[in-house]
Amino acid sequence: MIPTNRIPTHPGTILLEEFLQPMNISQETLANHLNLSLQQINQITKDKGSITPEIAWLLSQAFNTTPQFWMNLQTNYDLAVNKPKETNSLTRSLKHLMQKSLESLCRGHRLRLSYVLGAIHVG
């Protein structure tokens, strides 16, 4: 579930604080074990890099988790960070466009808009 009151924790922070530090594993050791560059691991743990599907598979095998665990962390973070700021005005604009399209459709088929909207809401 995506938190609504804050941005979800970056998966790099989870990797660092919940896996590497408690297990006393250095970033260099992990990079060597996964056959990745130290820079890749460092960028992820500094919340500047992303977990790719390939890295998710590698981490899941190294830490006995699932690739979905890592991809879900990354996806939730990405969705929160990239959420449009004006979602309410965007929703209003889309509703307005849909109503205009329905009105035009009704005029073309000589239908009453209230009848069409009633049919949509009923079922």
C-alpha atoms as a PDB file:
ATOM      1  CA  MET A   1       0.000   0.000   0.000  1.00  0.00           C
ATOM      2  CA  ILE A   2       1.294   3.424  -0.906  1.00  0.00           C
ATOM      3  CA  PRO A   3       1.461   5.847   2.043  1.00  0.00           C
ATOM      4  CA  THR A   4      -0.732   8.908   1.520  1.00  0.00           C
ATOM      5  CA  ASN A   5       0.931  11.177   4.070  1.00  0.00           C
ATOM      6  CA  ARG A   6       4.516  10.810   2.818  1.00  0.00           C
ATOM      7  CA  ILE A   7       6.626   9.623  -0.076  1.00  0.00           C
ATOM      8  CA  PRO A   8       7.368   5.891   0.282  1.00  0.00           C
ATOM      9  CA  THR A   9      10.860   4.952   1.349  1.00  0.00           C
ATOM     10  CA  HIS A  10      13.275   4.576  -1.547  1.00  0.00           C
ATOM     11  CA  PRO A  11      14.274   0.920  -2.080  1.00  0.00           C
ATOM     12  CA  GLY A  12      17.922   1.927  -1.726  1.00  0.00           C
ATOM     13  CA  THR A  13      17.262   3.034   1.845  1.00  0.00           C
ATOM     14  CA  ILE A  14      15.556  -0.302   2.535  1.00  0.00           C
ATOM     15  CA  LEU A  15      18.507  -2.145   1.004  1.00  0.00           C
ATOM     16  CA  LEU A  16      20.982  -0.217   3.120  1.00  0.00           C
ATOM     17  CA  GLU A  17      19.140  -0.037   6.450  1.00  0.00           C
ATOM     18  CA  GLU A  18      17.250  -3.337   6.475  1.00  0.00           C
ATOM     19  CA  PHE A  19      19.695  -5.638   4.705  1.00  0.00           C
ATOM     20  CA  LEU A  20      23.279  -4.404   4.350  1.00  0.00           C
ATOM     21  CA  GLN A  21      23.824  -2.705   7.724  1.00  0.00           C
ATOM     22  CA  PRO A  22      22.147  -5.360   9.928  1.00  0.00           C
ATOM     23  CA  MET A  23      24.005  -8.135   8.075  1.00  0.00           C
ATOM     24  CA  ASN A  24      27.281  -6.184   8.184  1.00  0.00           C
ATOM     25  CA  ILE A  25      27.662  -6.450   4.393  1.00  0.00           C
ATOM     26  CA  SER A  26      29.552  -3.689   2.616  1.00  0.00           C
ATOM     27  CA  GLN A  27      28.351  -2.195  -0.626  1.00  0.00           C
ATOM     28  CA  GLU A  28      31.552  -3.429  -2.236  1.00  0.00           C
ATOM     29  CA  THR A  29      30.927  -7.004  -1.086  1.00  0.00           C
ATOM     30  CA  LEU A  30      27.364  -6.887  -2.416  1.00  0.00           C
ATOM     31  CA  ALA A  31      28.494  -5.411  -5.735  1.00  0.00           C
ATOM     32  CA  ASN A  32      31.097  -8.155  -6.163  1.00  0.00           C
ATOM     33  CA  HIS A  33      28.624 -10.875  -5.187  1.00  0.00           C
ATOM     34  CA  LEU A  34      25.995  -9.607  -7.665  1.00  0.00           C
ATOM     35  CA  ASN A  35      28.571  -8.903 -10.374  1.00  0.00           C
ATOM     36  CA  LEU A  36      27.501  -5.243 -10.452  1.00  0.00           C
ATOM     37  CA  SER A  37      29.626  -2.141 -10.178  1.00  0.00           C
ATOM     38  CA  LEU A  38      30.147  -0.509  -6.810  1.00  0.00           C
ATOM     39  CA  GLN A  39      28.841   2.688  -8.393  1.00  0.00           C
ATOM     40  CA  GLN A  40      25.487   0.996  -9.219  1.00  0.00           C
ATOM     41  CA  ILE A  41      25.011  -0.196  -5.642  1.00  0.00           C
ATOM     42  CA  ASN A  42      26.167   3.142  -4.233  1.00  0.00           C
ATOM     43  CA  GLN A  43      23.750   5.094  -6.443  1.00  0.00           C
ATOM     44  CA  ILE A  44      20.871   2.863  -5.321  1.00  0.00           C
ATOM     45  CA  THR A  45      21.717   3.182  -1.623  1.00  0.00           C
ATOM     46  CA  LYS A  46      22.000   6.976  -1.997  1.00  0.00           C
ATOM     47  CA  ASP A  47      18.442   6.998  -3.438  1.00  0.00           C
ATOM     48  CA  LYS A  48      19.772   8.174  -6.799  1.00  0.00           C
ATOM     49  CA  GLY A  49      19.622   4.880  -8.688  1.00  0.00           C
ATOM     50  CA  SER A  50      16.684   2.613  -9.402  1.00  0.00           C
ATOM     51  CA  ILE A  51      16.031  -1.069  -8.909  1.00  0.00           C
ATOM     52  CA  THR A  52      15.747  -2.569 -12.382  1.00  0.00           C
ATOM     53  CA  PRO A  53      14.089  -5.943 -12.996  1.00  0.00           C
ATOM     54  CA  GLU A  54      17.534  -7.509 -13.385  1.00  0.00           C
ATOM     55  CA  ILE A  55      18.751  -6.043 -10.090  1.00  0.00           C
ATOM     56  CA  ALA A  56      15.480  -7.114  -8.430  1.00  0.00           C
ATOM     57  CA  TRP A  57      16.208 -10.717  -9.437  1.00  0.00           C
ATOM     58  CA  LEU A  58      19.770 -10.499  -8.158  1.00  0.00           C
ATOM     59  CA  LEU A  59      18.733  -8.971  -4.826  1.00  0.00           C
ATOM     60  CA  SER A  60      15.951 -11.500  -4.374  1.00  0.00           C
ATOM     61  CA  GLN A  61      18.403 -14.353  -4.801  1.00  0.00           C
ATOM     62  CA  ALA A  62      21.001 -12.764  -2.525  1.00  0.00           C
ATOM     63  CA  PHE A  63      18.575 -11.967   0.302  1.00  0.00           C
ATOM     64  CA  ASN A  64      15.993 -14.738  -0.102  1.00  0.00           C
ATOM     65  CA  THR A  65      13.210 -12.328  -1.008  1.00  0.00           C
ATOM     66  CA  THR A  66      11.187 -12.050  -4.204  1.00  0.00           C
ATOM     67  CA  PRO A  67      11.891  -9.839  -7.210  1.00  0.00           C
ATOM     68  CA  GLN A  68       8.350  -8.484  -6.730  1.00  0.00           C
ATOM     69  CA  PHE A  69       9.353  -7.184  -3.287  1.00  0.00           C
ATOM     70  CA  TRP A  70      12.079  -5.013  -4.809  1.00  0.00           C
ATOM     71  CA  MET A  71      10.046  -3.977  -7.854  1.00  0.00           C
ATOM     72  CA  ASN A  72       7.064  -3.022  -5.662  1.00  0.00           C
ATOM     73  CA  LEU A  73       9.296  -0.821  -3.515  1.00  0.00           C
ATOM     74  CA  GLN A  74      10.633   0.892  -6.644  1.00  0.00           C
ATOM     75  CA  THR A  75       7.211   1.222  -8.295  1.00  0.00           C
ATOM     76  CA  ASN A  76       5.573   2.693  -5.194  1.00  0.00           C
ATOM     77  CA  TYR A  77       8.400   5.195  -4.847  1.00  0.00           C
ATOM     78  CA  ASP A  78       8.290   6.144  -8.539  1.00  0.00           C
ATOM     79  CA  LEU A  79       4.502   6.577  -8.536  1.00  0.00           C
ATOM     80  CA  ALA A  80       4.607   8.867  -5.505  1.00  0.00           C
ATOM     81  CA  VAL A  81       7.488  10.974  -6.800  1.00  0.00           C
ATOM     82  CA  ASN A  82       5.941  11.349 -10.254  1.00  0.00           C
ATOM     83  CA  LYS A  83       2.326  11.983  -9.190  1.00  0.00           C
ATOM     84  CA  PRO A  84       0.856  14.932 -11.092  1.00  0.00           C
ATOM     85  CA  LYS A  85       0.405  17.954  -8.857  1.00  0.00           C
ATOM     86  CA  GLU A  86      -2.860  19.078 -10.437  1.00  0.00           C
ATOM     87  CA  THR A  87      -4.880  15.854 -10.314  1.00  0.00           C
ATOM     88  CA  ASN A  88      -8.123  17.656  -9.351  1.00  0.00           C
ATOM     89  CA  SER A  89      -8.044  20.089 -12.268  1.00  0.00           C
ATOM     90  CA  LEU A  90      -7.048  17.259 -14.596  1.00  0.00           C
ATOM     91  CA  THR A  91     -10.024  15.193 -13.419  1.00  0.00           C
ATOM     92  CA  ARG A  92     -12.360  18.160 -13.926  1.00  0.00           C
ATOM     93  CA  SER A  93     -10.983  18.698 -17.430  1.00  0.00           C
ATOM     94  CA  LEU A  94     -11.505  15.055 -18.340  1.00  0.00           C
ATOM     95  CA  LYS A  95     -15.075  15.086 -16.984  1.00  0.00           C
ATOM     96  CA  HIS A  96     -15.785  18.236 -18.993  1.00  0.00           C
ATOM     97  CA  LEU A  97     -14.416  16.626 -22.182  1.00  0.00           C
ATOM     98  CA  MET A  98     -16.427  13.467 -21.585  1.00  0.00           C
ATOM     99  CA  GLN A  99     -19.636  15.451 -21.065  1.00  0.00           C
ATOM    100  CA  LYS A 100     -19.048  17.442 -24.271  1.00  0.00           C
ATOM    101  CA  SER A 101     -18.396  14.208 -26.180  1.00  0.00           C
ATOM    102  CA  LEU A 102     -21.577  12.649 -24.812  1.00  0.00           C
ATOM    103  CA  GLU A 103     -23.599  15.746 -25.680  1.00  0.00           C
ATOM    104  CA  SER A 104     -22.270  15.653 -29.222  1.00  0.00           C
ATOM    105  CA  LEU A 105     -23.004  11.940 -29.516  1.00  0.00           C
ATOM    106  CA  CYS A 106     -26.548  12.448 -28.223  1.00  0.00           C
ATOM    107  CA  ARG A 107     -27.216  15.261 -30.698  1.00  0.00           C
ATOM    108  CA  GLY A 108     -25.952  13.096 -33.535  1.00  0.00           C
ATOM    109  CA  HIS A 109     -28.265  10.242 -32.559  1.00  0.00           C
ATOM    110  CA  ARG A 110     -31.121  12.434 -31.309  1.00  0.00           C
ATOM    111  CA  LEU A 111     -30.902  11.040 -27.789  1.00  0.00           C
ATOM    112  CA  ARG A 112     -31.497  12.893 -24.561  1.00  0.00           C
ATOM    113  CA  LEU A 113     -28.340  13.283 -22.488  1.00  0.00           C
ATOM    114  CA  SER A 114     -30.233  12.561 -19.250  1.00  0.00           C
ATOM    115  CA  TYR A 115     -31.356   9.222 -20.708  1.00  0.00           C
ATOM    116  CA  VAL A 116     -27.801   8.265 -21.709  1.00  0.00           C
ATOM    117  CA  LEU A 117     -26.342   9.303 -18.339  1.00  0.00           C
ATOM    118  CA  GLY A 118     -29.106   7.395 -16.549  1.00  0.00           C
ATOM    119  CA  ALA A 119     -28.284   4.283 -18.567  1.00  0.00           C
ATOM    120  CA  ILE A 120     -24.588   4.625 -17.720  1.00  0.00           C
ATOM    121  CA  HIS A 121     -25.284   4.966 -13.982  1.00  0.00           C
ATOM    122  CA  VAL A 122     -27.870   2.178 -13.884  1.00  0.00           C
ATOM    123  CA  GLY A 123     -25.915  -0.366 -15.553  1.00  0.00           C
END
